């Protein structure tokens, strides 16, 4: 009888572990499978995690107290019921959960699931060697809290496997690039603006060349590898490659991998300070893009950005600059006008003054277009072709994208806000008709400066927005402080817990003549 009860208990226990295991793997994925980032996330979120764990803890604690008043067989029944309650509660909650970025069951995650399953079975099997009341209490606690700690062991077991798999795929991609010897490769990096710039450059260059770009935000070694292995064909003449970095050494690795002849640095600022450690490290890392170009290559720099402008690259590669504010830029935009249809500006290059119009909004998008113009001219594309491409190019999804939803006008700037981009989005909003709404959770991954940057963001809203909706009470406290410090009427500043609540407010209060800015998305890892 005891054996049967033990088997039933372990089966129910495993059911109760399904959701905690999934959540732990989900957060590990959102922290890019990096143990240090995951550990930092655990450290930053343990208090809110413990608050959510209060109900399961009380159930387990109550069962523990009762266990010392019962026989072992009765304890097993009690613990089975307790585990069943936990399983039912967790699975029900998970069924109704909505994630901004759900867990993606990649090959890597499937291998992690297999290793985690083996580890759990081994731990429970060892625990059954000494059954008793302590065994029951420890296994009950383990079913809820254990998966979060097991991630560290899973990472230790799977890391060598993943490194081997990645090395094989990357070497195969390098072989393909080497065989494609006449391919023109354009590398793009920056603290922000990389993906938008890549899309804009692709839109213009592809008017004349068969061009491949890395999709979405595929800017890591494996994302670039996947693009090359799955999509690079002999007909391609140009490869537009976004290169991301959130720690020292990332750009060097990608430059040695892709070896572009043209490099674009879009911007440098306080992005990923928590992993880089200092602004100096960020600047040096991003400028590796230029310093590792061949001497007969081309570096394209946004000299409106002071950190780029003041940096002296340690090589002799030819540099072409662009900007809006800096009059010394080789390519400059003047007479900029924004409205609900997009933007218009005049390109100034030497004695040339060429009018442009585009559906894209904002100074940053105009800067992106300037970098695309430089690339295109370098590749011999004529002005009429460039103007047509700029006029007809599609808005980049979630990056100051004008869209209509339920008859309302939205400016969707939901992808990963940064201080410069957020300020510019507010300036665009200020020029829009009707009442102006902003919905935002603020900015993340800015290290020790995060609170002050968000506070400054809040102060900027005065005069740009009429209604402020802040999402995530813990996250947005500094923004609310900045809004209040600016003298904004706080009766028009709403703080909500979820994105759903924010949209419920918008649907109820905004009208067809109004404009709503969605500034920054919030990954689930930062919404706990």
Protein backbone atom coordinates (compact mmCIF):
# COMPACT_ATOMS: atom_id res chain seq x y z
CA UNK A 1 0.00 0.00 0.00
CA UNK A 2 2.82 2.37 0.91
CA UNK A 3 4.48 1.76 -2.49
CA UNK A 4 1.27 2.60 -4.34
CA UNK A 5 0.76 5.76 -2.29
CA UNK A 6 4.38 6.73 -2.95
CA UNK A 7 3.94 6.25 -6.70
CA UNK A 8 0.75 8.30 -6.78
CA UNK A 9 2.39 11.06 -4.73
CA UNK A 10 5.41 11.27 -7.06
CA UNK A 11 3.17 11.35 -10.14
CA UNK A 12 1.11 14.23 -8.76
CA UNK A 13 4.31 15.96 -7.65
CA UNK A 14 5.66 15.84 -11.21
CA UNK A 15 2.40 17.38 -12.47
CA UNK A 16 2.82 20.20 -9.94
CA UNK A 17 6.34 20.84 -11.25
CA UNK A 18 5.31 21.37 -14.89
CA UNK A 19 4.48 25.06 -14.59
CA UNK A 20 7.46 26.09 -12.38
CA UNK A 21 9.77 24.22 -14.79
CA UNK A 22 8.28 26.05 -17.76
CA UNK A 23 8.52 29.43 -16.04
CA UNK A 24 12.15 28.86 -15.08
CA UNK A 25 13.07 27.85 -18.65
CA UNK A 26 11.10 30.83 -20.00
CA UNK A 27 13.04 33.32 -17.89
CA UNK A 28 16.33 31.60 -18.73
CA UNK A 29 15.50 32.01 -22.43
CA UNK A 30 14.54 35.66 -22.00
CA UNK A 31 17.88 36.19 -20.28
CA UNK A 32 19.55 34.78 -23.43
CA UNK A 33 20.57 31.51 -21.78
CA UNK A 34 23.27 33.40 -19.86
CA UNK A 35 23.76 32.23 -16.29
CA UNK A 36 25.01 35.63 -15.06
CA UNK A 37 22.00 37.44 -16.52
CA UNK A 38 19.62 34.81 -15.13
CA UNK A 39 21.26 35.03 -11.68
CA UNK A 40 20.96 38.83 -11.79
CA UNK A 41 17.27 38.47 -12.73
CA UNK A 42 16.73 36.11 -9.77
CA UNK A 43 18.46 38.60 -7.49
CA UNK A 44 16.42 41.55 -8.77
CA UNK A 45 13.07 39.73 -8.67
CA UNK A 46 13.26 37.44 -5.63
CA UNK A 47 11.10 39.73 -3.48
CA UNK A 48 8.22 39.87 -5.97
CA UNK A 49 8.72 36.15 -6.58
CA UNK A 50 8.36 35.40 -2.89
CA UNK A 51 5.15 37.45 -2.76
CA UNK A 52 3.69 35.32 -5.55
CA UNK A 53 4.93 32.19 -3.78
CA UNK A 54 3.17 33.10 -0.52
CA UNK A 55 0.05 31.01 -1.22
CA UNK A 56 1.99 27.85 -2.24
CA UNK A 57 4.30 28.35 0.75
CA UNK A 58 1.37 28.55 3.18
CA UNK A 59 -0.14 25.35 1.72
CA UNK A 60 3.20 23.52 2.06
CA UNK A 61 3.77 24.90 5.57
CA UNK A 62 0.28 23.84 6.73
CA UNK A 63 0.88 20.37 5.33
CA UNK A 64 4.20 20.23 7.17
CA UNK A 65 2.59 21.07 10.51
CA UNK A 66 -0.11 18.44 10.02
CA UNK A 67 2.46 15.86 8.92
CA UNK A 68 3.89 15.55 12.43
CA UNK A 69 0.45 14.58 13.77
CA UNK A 70 -0.14 11.76 11.31
CA UNK A 71 1.21 8.33 10.37
CA UNK A 72 3.49 8.16 7.30
CA UNK A 73 0.80 6.68 5.04
CA UNK A 74 -1.53 9.50 6.06
CA UNK A 75 1.26 11.99 5.43
CA UNK A 76 1.62 10.63 1.88
CA UNK A 77 -2.12 11.11 1.29
CA UNK A 78 -1.95 14.65 2.72
CA UNK A 79 1.05 15.55 0.55
CA UNK A 80 -0.59 14.05 -2.54
CA UNK A 81 -3.66 16.22 -1.95
CA UNK A 82 -1.42 19.27 -1.35
CA UNK A 83 0.57 18.63 -4.52
CA UNK A 84 -2.70 18.14 -6.40
CA UNK A 85 -4.01 21.50 -5.19
CA UNK A 86 -0.78 23.17 -6.26
CA UNK A 87 -0.86 21.44 -9.67
CA UNK A 88 -4.48 22.42 -10.28
CA UNK A 89 -3.91 26.05 -9.22
CA UNK A 90 -0.73 26.46 -11.27
CA UNK A 91 -2.05 24.75 -14.41
CA UNK A 92 -5.29 26.75 -14.30
CA UNK A 93 -3.36 30.02 -13.95
CA UNK A 94 -1.01 29.02 -16.77
CA UNK A 95 -3.92 28.16 -19.06
CA UNK A 96 -5.22 31.74 -18.80
CA UNK A 97 -1.80 33.43 -18.85
CA UNK A 98 -0.87 35.76 -21.74
CA UNK A 99 2.80 36.39 -22.48
CA UNK A 100 4.31 39.25 -24.43
CA UNK A 101 7.13 36.94 -25.51
CA UNK A 102 6.14 33.32 -24.89
CA UNK A 103 8.63 30.50 -24.43
CA UNK A 104 9.90 29.35 -27.83
CA UNK A 105 10.51 25.60 -27.96
CA UNK A 106 13.76 25.70 -29.91
CA UNK A 107 16.08 22.72 -30.20
CA UNK A 108 18.10 24.20 -27.36
CA UNK A 109 15.07 24.44 -25.08
CA UNK A 110 14.06 20.87 -25.91
CA UNK A 111 17.53 19.67 -24.89
CA UNK A 112 17.23 21.66 -21.65
CA UNK A 113 13.82 20.09 -20.97
CA UNK A 114 15.31 16.61 -21.44
CA UNK A 115 18.20 17.33 -19.06
CA UNK A 116 15.87 18.93 -16.49
CA UNK A 117 13.55 15.90 -16.63
CA UNK A 118 16.46 13.51 -16.04
CA UNK A 119 17.75 15.62 -13.13
CA UNK A 120 14.31 15.78 -11.49
CA UNK A 121 13.79 12.04 -11.80
CA UNK A 122 17.25 11.36 -10.33
CA UNK A 123 16.67 13.74 -7.41
CA UNK A 124 13.27 12.24 -6.61
CA UNK A 125 14.61 8.71 -6.98
CA UNK A 126 17.41 9.47 -4.51
CA UNK A 127 14.91 11.10 -2.15
CA UNK A 128 12.78 7.93 -2.08
CA UNK A 129 15.71 5.97 -0.63
CA UNK A 130 14.95 7.54 2.76
CA UNK A 131 11.17 8.08 2.84
CA UNK A 132 9.67 9.87 5.83
CA UNK A 133 8.01 13.07 6.90
CA UNK A 134 11.10 15.15 6.05
CA UNK A 135 11.15 13.53 2.59
CA UNK A 136 7.56 14.63 1.99
CA UNK A 137 8.14 18.22 3.10
CA UNK A 138 11.37 18.62 1.12
CA UNK A 139 9.90 17.18 -2.07
CA UNK A 140 6.81 19.37 -1.75
CA UNK A 141 9.02 22.47 -1.43
CA UNK A 142 11.25 21.21 -4.25
CA UNK A 143 8.31 20.87 -6.66
CA UNK A 144 7.65 24.63 -6.51
CA UNK A 145 11.04 26.22 -5.79
CA UNK A 146 13.47 23.61 -7.14
CA UNK A 147 13.15 24.29 -10.91
CA UNK A 148 14.40 27.88 -10.50
CA UNK A 149 17.64 26.58 -8.98
CA UNK A 150 17.87 23.56 -11.28
CA UNK A 151 18.42 25.94 -14.20
CA UNK A 152 21.99 26.47 -13.00
CA UNK A 153 22.66 22.72 -13.10
CA UNK A 154 20.88 22.38 -16.47
CA UNK A 155 23.08 25.16 -17.87
CA UNK A 156 26.24 23.48 -16.57
CA UNK A 157 25.28 20.17 -18.24
CA UNK A 158 24.04 21.60 -21.56
CA UNK A 159 26.56 24.42 -22.10
CA UNK A 160 29.33 22.18 -23.54
CA UNK A 161 26.77 20.55 -25.86
CA UNK A 162 25.45 23.92 -27.02
CA UNK A 163 28.95 25.27 -27.62
CA UNK A 164 29.74 22.26 -29.80
CA UNK A 165 26.49 22.58 -31.77
CA UNK A 166 26.98 26.31 -32.26
CA UNK A 167 30.62 25.91 -33.32
CA UNK A 168 29.64 23.46 -36.07
CA UNK A 169 26.86 25.69 -37.43
CA UNK A 170 29.01 28.86 -37.30
CA UNK A 171 31.90 27.15 -39.09
CA UNK A 172 29.49 26.00 -41.79
CA UNK A 173 28.19 29.57 -42.20
CA UNK A 174 31.77 30.87 -42.42
CA UNK A 175 32.44 28.34 -45.17
CA UNK A 176 29.41 29.58 -47.11
CA UNK A 177 30.52 33.22 -46.82
CA UNK A 178 34.03 32.32 -47.94
CA UNK A 179 32.68 30.54 -51.03
CA UNK A 180 30.57 33.64 -51.85
CA UNK A 181 33.70 35.72 -52.46
CA UNK A 182 32.05 38.58 -54.42
CA UNK A 183 29.38 39.24 -51.75
CA UNK A 184 29.28 42.87 -50.53
CA UNK A 185 28.76 42.74 -46.76
CA UNK A 186 27.36 45.69 -44.78
CA UNK A 187 27.60 45.49 -41.00
CA UNK A 188 25.37 47.62 -38.75
CA UNK A 189 25.72 48.18 -35.02
CA UNK A 190 24.81 50.74 -32.38
CA UNK A 191 23.20 51.00 -28.97
CA UNK A 192 19.87 51.56 -30.70
CA UNK A 193 18.54 52.03 -34.22
CA UNK A 194 20.24 48.93 -35.65
CA UNK A 195 17.15 47.08 -36.82
CA UNK A 196 15.49 50.19 -38.27
CA UNK A 197 18.68 51.16 -40.10
CA UNK A 198 19.06 47.64 -41.46
CA UNK A 199 15.51 47.64 -42.80
CA UNK A 200 15.93 51.06 -44.40
CA UNK A 201 19.26 50.13 -46.02
CA UNK A 202 17.74 46.90 -47.33
CA UNK A 203 14.77 48.82 -48.79
CA UNK A 204 17.04 51.11 -50.80
CA UNK A 205 19.83 48.70 -51.80
CA UNK A 206 17.37 46.00 -52.90
CA UNK A 207 16.03 48.37 -55.57
CA UNK A 208 19.14 47.56 -57.64
CA UNK A 209 20.76 44.46 -56.09
CA UNK A 210 19.65 41.02 -54.96
CA UNK A 211 20.13 41.71 -51.27
CA UNK A 212 19.75 39.57 -48.15
CA UNK A 213 19.34 40.97 -44.65
CA UNK A 214 19.23 39.34 -41.25
CA UNK A 215 15.51 39.17 -40.32
CA UNK A 216 13.82 40.68 -37.24
CA UNK A 217 16.46 41.17 -34.53
CA UNK A 218 18.71 38.31 -35.63
CA UNK A 219 21.92 40.02 -34.53
CA UNK A 220 23.75 37.30 -32.56
CA UNK A 221 26.21 34.70 -33.88
CA UNK A 222 23.49 32.06 -34.07
CA UNK A 223 20.90 34.42 -35.59
CA UNK A 224 23.34 35.46 -38.31
CA UNK A 225 24.40 31.84 -38.81
CA UNK A 226 20.81 30.76 -39.29
CA UNK A 227 20.23 33.55 -41.83
CA UNK A 228 23.28 32.54 -43.86
CA UNK A 229 22.64 28.79 -43.78
CA UNK A 230 18.91 29.02 -44.54
CA UNK A 231 18.67 32.01 -46.89
CA UNK A 232 21.98 32.98 -48.55
CA UNK A 233 21.90 32.07 -52.28
CA UNK A 234 24.43 32.48 -55.13
CA UNK A 235 22.21 35.22 -56.65
CA UNK A 236 22.72 37.52 -53.65
CA UNK A 237 25.11 40.42 -54.25
CA UNK A 238 24.69 42.25 -50.91
CA UNK A 239 24.35 40.98 -47.33
CA UNK A 240 22.99 43.54 -44.83
CA UNK A 241 23.90 42.23 -41.39
CA UNK A 242 22.78 43.61 -38.03
CA UNK A 243 25.33 43.03 -35.26
CA UNK A 244 24.25 43.26 -31.62
CA UNK A 245 26.34 43.40 -28.49
CA UNK A 246 25.46 43.40 -24.81
CA UNK A 247 28.92 42.64 -23.44
CA UNK A 248 32.55 43.32 -24.27
CA UNK A 249 33.87 41.13 -27.11
CA UNK A 250 30.58 40.58 -28.96
CA UNK A 251 31.34 42.93 -31.89
CA UNK A 252 34.87 41.57 -32.33
CA UNK A 253 33.45 38.05 -32.56
CA UNK A 254 30.85 39.08 -35.16
CA UNK A 255 33.31 41.13 -37.23
CA UNK A 256 35.70 38.18 -37.39
CA UNK A 257 32.77 36.00 -38.42
CA UNK A 258 31.13 38.14 -41.15
CA UNK A 259 34.06 40.39 -42.22
CA UNK A 260 32.01 43.27 -43.72
CA UNK A 261 33.65 45.87 -45.96
CA UNK A 262 31.11 48.57 -45.05
CA UNK A 263 30.30 49.34 -41.41
CA UNK A 264 27.56 51.60 -40.01
CA UNK A 265 27.48 52.81 -36.38
CA UNK A 266 24.02 54.27 -35.76
CA UNK A 267 24.32 55.53 -32.18
CA UNK A 268 26.05 54.97 -28.88
CA UNK A 269 24.36 55.43 -25.51
CA UNK A 270 23.53 53.84 -22.14
CA UNK A 271 22.04 50.57 -23.40
CA UNK A 272 22.87 47.26 -21.60
CA UNK A 273 24.87 49.12 -18.94
CA UNK A 274 24.12 46.29 -16.52
CA UNK A 275 26.20 43.87 -18.66
CA UNK A 276 28.79 46.24 -20.16
CA UNK A 277 29.63 47.84 -16.83
CA UNK A 278 30.39 51.35 -18.14
CA UNK A 279 29.63 53.75 -20.97
CA UNK A 280 33.30 53.68 -21.95
CA UNK A 281 33.08 49.93 -22.55
CA UNK A 282 29.97 50.41 -24.71
CA UNK A 283 31.63 53.10 -26.84
CA UNK A 284 34.81 51.09 -27.36
CA UNK A 285 32.82 47.96 -28.23
CA UNK A 286 30.53 49.62 -30.79
CA UNK A 287 33.45 51.38 -32.50
CA UNK A 288 35.09 47.98 -33.02
CA UNK A 289 32.80 47.89 -36.06
CA UNK A 290 34.91 50.65 -37.67
CA UNK A 291 38.29 49.60 -36.29
CA UNK A 292 38.02 46.10 -37.71
CA UNK A 293 37.04 47.15 -41.24
CA UNK A 294 39.60 46.54 -44.01
CA UNK A 295 41.61 49.64 -45.01
CA UNK A 296 39.85 49.74 -48.39
CA UNK A 297 36.45 49.58 -46.68
CA UNK A 298 34.03 52.31 -45.63
CA UNK A 299 32.92 53.47 -42.19
CA UNK A 300 29.58 55.32 -41.97
CA UNK A 301 29.07 57.31 -38.76
CA UNK A 302 26.23 59.32 -37.22
CA UNK A 303 28.12 62.36 -35.90
CA UNK A 304 25.03 63.86 -34.29
CA UNK A 305 25.90 61.35 -31.56
CA UNK A 306 28.63 62.96 -29.39
CA UNK A 307 30.17 59.64 -28.31
CA UNK A 308 30.66 58.64 -31.95
CA UNK A 309 31.81 62.13 -32.98
CA UNK A 310 34.46 62.32 -30.25
CA UNK A 311 35.89 58.82 -30.78
CA UNK A 312 39.07 58.51 -32.87
CA UNK A 313 39.09 55.14 -34.72
CA UNK A 314 42.43 53.35 -34.63
CA UNK A 315 42.66 52.58 -38.35
CA UNK A 316 42.84 54.42 -41.68
CA UNK A 317 39.55 53.30 -43.20
CA UNK A 318 37.64 55.95 -45.18
CA UNK A 319 34.91 57.59 -43.08
CA UNK A 320 31.70 59.23 -44.36
CA UNK A 321 29.49 61.00 -41.80
CA UNK A 322 25.81 61.88 -41.58
CA UNK A 323 23.63 63.92 -39.26
CA UNK A 324 20.85 66.43 -38.82
CA UNK A 325 22.17 68.81 -36.17
CA UNK A 326 25.89 68.67 -37.00
CA UNK A 327 26.68 71.00 -39.91
CA UNK A 328 30.00 69.24 -40.57
CA UNK A 329 28.27 65.99 -41.61
CA UNK A 330 28.99 64.86 -45.19
CA UNK A 331 25.28 64.04 -45.65
CA UNK A 332 22.75 66.16 -43.75
CA UNK A 333 18.95 66.57 -43.57
CA UNK A 334 17.35 70.02 -43.43
CA UNK A 335 13.83 71.49 -43.56
CA UNK A 336 12.31 68.47 -41.76
CA UNK A 337 8.50 68.34 -41.52
CA UNK A 338 6.40 65.63 -39.76
CA UNK A 339 2.68 65.05 -40.11
CA UNK A 340 0.16 62.20 -40.03
CA UNK A 341 1.34 61.08 -43.51
CA UNK A 342 5.05 60.77 -42.61
CA UNK A 343 8.09 63.01 -43.06
CA UNK A 344 9.63 65.37 -45.63
CA UNK A 345 13.19 66.72 -45.68
CA UNK A 346 15.94 68.09 -47.93
CA UNK A 347 19.19 66.14 -48.28
CA UNK A 348 22.30 68.35 -48.34
CA UNK A 349 25.51 66.83 -49.74
CA UNK A 350 28.13 69.31 -50.85
CA UNK A 351 26.42 71.54 -53.39
CA UNK A 352 23.54 69.10 -53.88
CA UNK A 353 20.12 69.74 -52.30
CA UNK A 354 17.66 66.92 -52.97
CA UNK A 355 14.07 66.73 -51.63
CA UNK A 356 12.86 63.49 -50.04
CA UNK A 357 9.57 62.26 -48.62
CA UNK A 358 8.86 59.09 -46.66
CA UNK A 359 6.14 57.35 -44.69
CA UNK A 360 8.59 56.99 -41.78
CA UNK A 361 8.38 59.33 -38.78
CA UNK A 362 10.99 60.93 -36.58
CA UNK A 363 14.54 62.25 -36.65
CA UNK A 364 16.00 58.81 -36.00
CA UNK A 365 14.32 57.37 -39.08
CA UNK A 366 15.65 60.27 -41.15
CA UNK A 367 19.12 59.52 -39.79
CA UNK A 368 18.61 55.88 -40.80
CA UNK A 369 17.66 57.02 -44.30
CA UNK A 370 20.83 59.13 -44.51
CA UNK A 371 22.96 56.07 -43.73
CA UNK A 372 21.07 54.12 -46.41
CA UNK A 373 21.69 56.90 -48.93
CA UNK A 374 25.43 56.76 -48.24
CA UNK A 375 25.50 52.97 -48.69
CA UNK A 376 23.51 53.25 -51.90
CA UNK A 377 25.72 55.95 -53.39
CA UNK A 378 28.78 53.89 -52.46
CA UNK A 379 27.26 50.99 -54.44
CA UNK A 380 26.59 53.24 -57.44
CA UNK A 381 22.80 53.61 -57.13
CA UNK A 382 21.41 56.74 -58.86
CA UNK A 383 19.43 59.47 -57.09
CA UNK A 384 16.05 58.80 -58.77
CA UNK A 385 16.20 55.15 -57.66
CA UNK A 386 17.10 56.17 -54.11
CA UNK A 387 14.32 58.80 -53.91
CA UNK A 388 11.74 56.29 -55.16
CA UNK A 389 12.88 53.67 -52.63
CA UNK A 390 12.72 56.17 -49.73
CA UNK A 391 9.26 57.36 -50.81
CA UNK A 392 7.84 53.84 -51.11
CA UNK A 393 9.59 52.03 -48.25
CA UNK A 394 7.34 50.45 -45.66
CA UNK A 395 7.29 51.55 -42.08
CA UNK A 396 9.39 49.36 -39.82
CA UNK A 397 7.18 47.32 -37.50
CA UNK A 398 7.01 48.65 -33.92
CA UNK A 399 9.43 51.52 -34.63
CA UNK A 400 7.46 54.79 -34.87
CA UNK A 401 5.01 52.89 -37.07
CA UNK A 402 1.79 54.76 -37.86
CA UNK A 403 -1.19 52.41 -37.75
CA UNK A 404 -4.96 52.37 -37.32
CA UNK A 405 -6.49 50.05 -34.71
CA UNK A 406 -10.27 50.11 -34.08
CA UNK A 407 -10.42 53.47 -35.81
CA UNK A 408 -7.78 55.05 -33.55
CA UNK A 409 -4.40 56.44 -34.67
CA UNK A 410 -1.39 54.81 -33.02
CA UNK A 411 2.32 55.53 -33.23
CA UNK A 412 3.76 52.10 -32.46
CA UNK A 413 7.26 52.54 -31.05
CA UNK A 414 7.02 49.45 -28.90
CA UNK A 415 10.38 47.89 -29.67
CA UNK A 416 12.93 48.36 -26.90
CA UNK A 417 12.84 52.07 -26.07
CA UNK A 418 16.07 53.94 -25.34
CA UNK A 419 16.65 57.46 -23.97
CA UNK A 420 17.32 59.12 -27.33
CA UNK A 421 14.54 57.29 -29.18
CA UNK A 422 12.00 57.83 -26.42
CA UNK A 423 12.68 61.58 -26.37
CA UNK A 424 12.38 61.75 -30.14
CA UNK A 425 9.10 59.78 -30.08
CA UNK A 426 7.70 62.34 -27.63
CA UNK A 427 8.70 65.17 -29.98
CA UNK A 428 6.87 63.43 -32.83
CA UNK A 429 3.80 62.95 -30.61
CA UNK A 430 3.85 66.65 -29.72
CA UNK A 431 3.24 67.53 -33.40
CA UNK A 432 0.22 65.26 -33.78
CA UNK A 433 -3.42 66.45 -33.75
CA UNK A 434 -6.08 65.84 -31.10
CA UNK A 435 -5.42 64.67 -27.58
CA UNK A 436 -2.09 62.92 -27.27
CA UNK A 437 -1.79 59.71 -25.22
CA UNK A 438 1.38 57.83 -24.27
CA UNK A 439 1.35 54.23 -23.01
CA UNK A 440 4.70 53.05 -21.67
CA UNK A 441 6.43 50.83 -19.08
CA UNK A 442 9.59 52.92 -19.41
CA UNK A 443 13.10 51.69 -20.19
CA UNK A 444 15.01 48.67 -18.90
CA UNK A 445 18.54 47.23 -18.75
CA UNK A 446 20.13 50.61 -18.01
CA UNK A 447 22.04 49.58 -14.89
CA UNK A 448 22.42 52.10 -12.06
CA UNK A 449 21.26 54.94 -14.33
CA UNK A 450 17.89 53.33 -15.08
CA UNK A 451 15.83 55.17 -12.45
CA UNK A 452 17.25 58.59 -13.31
CA UNK A 453 16.85 58.04 -17.06
CA UNK A 454 13.22 57.00 -16.54
CA UNK A 455 12.67 59.98 -14.25
CA UNK A 456 14.02 62.31 -16.97
CA UNK A 457 11.75 60.54 -19.48
CA UNK A 458 8.78 61.38 -17.24
CA UNK A 459 9.80 65.04 -17.08
CA UNK A 460 9.90 65.21 -20.90
CA UNK A 461 6.21 64.32 -21.21
CA UNK A 462 4.98 67.78 -20.23
CA UNK A 463 3.86 69.56 -23.40
CA UNK A 464 4.15 66.40 -25.51
CA UNK A 465 1.38 64.24 -24.03
CA UNK A 466 -2.05 65.10 -22.62
CA UNK A 467 -2.73 61.66 -21.10
CA UNK A 468 -0.02 59.41 -19.60
CA UNK A 469 -0.64 55.70 -18.98
CA UNK A 470 2.19 53.90 -17.14
CA UNK A 471 2.29 50.08 -17.11
CA UNK A 472 3.76 48.12 -14.15
CA UNK A 473 3.61 49.74 -10.72
CA UNK A 474 7.09 48.72 -9.55
CA UNK A 475 8.74 49.50 -12.88
CA UNK A 476 7.26 52.95 -13.52
CA UNK A 477 7.68 54.64 -10.15
CA UNK A 478 10.62 56.84 -11.34
CA UNK A 479 8.67 57.86 -14.48
CA UNK A 480 5.69 58.93 -12.37
CA UNK A 481 8.02 60.95 -10.15
CA UNK A 482 9.44 62.70 -13.23
CA UNK A 483 5.96 63.41 -14.61
CA UNK A 484 4.93 64.99 -11.30
CA UNK A 485 8.19 66.99 -11.00
CA UNK A 486 7.52 68.55 -14.43
CA UNK A 487 4.27 70.10 -13.22
CA UNK A 488 2.05 67.75 -15.25
CA UNK A 489 -1.56 67.47 -14.05
CA UNK A 490 -1.39 64.08 -12.29
CA UNK A 491 -5.13 63.57 -12.65
CA UNK A 492 -4.25 62.73 -16.26
CA UNK A 493 -1.51 60.24 -15.28
CA UNK A 494 -2.76 56.68 -14.80
CA UNK A 495 -0.70 53.78 -13.41
CA UNK A 496 -1.92 50.26 -14.21
CA UNK A 497 -0.59 46.76 -13.61
CA UNK A 498 -1.01 45.21 -17.06
CA UNK A 499 -0.99 46.06 -20.75
CA UNK A 500 -4.63 44.89 -20.93
CA UNK A 501 -5.70 47.49 -18.36
CA UNK A 502 -3.85 50.17 -20.33
CA UNK A 503 -5.67 49.29 -23.55
CA UNK A 504 -9.01 49.09 -21.77
CA UNK A 505 -8.42 52.70 -20.72
CA UNK A 506 -7.45 53.72 -24.28
CA UNK A 507 -10.52 52.10 -25.87
CA UNK A 508 -12.75 53.86 -23.36
CA UNK A 509 -11.20 57.35 -23.46
CA UNK A 510 -9.48 57.99 -26.84
CA UNK A 511 -11.31 59.17 -29.95
CA UNK A 512 -10.70 59.03 -33.73
CA UNK A 513 -9.11 62.49 -33.72
CA UNK A 514 -6.54 61.53 -31.03
CA UNK A 515 -3.04 59.99 -31.28
CA UNK A 516 -1.68 57.23 -29.02
CA UNK A 517 2.06 56.60 -28.68
CA UNK A 518 3.05 53.07 -27.60
CA UNK A 519 6.56 53.55 -26.25
CA UNK A 520 8.48 50.37 -25.47
CA UNK A 521 7.45 46.76 -25.09
CA UNK A 522 8.05 44.94 -21.82
CA UNK A 523 9.46 41.39 -21.93
CA UNK A 524 7.94 39.02 -19.40
CA UNK A 525 11.30 38.79 -17.64
CA UNK A 526 10.86 42.41 -16.56
CA UNK A 527 7.17 42.18 -15.78
CA UNK A 528 7.42 39.96 -12.71
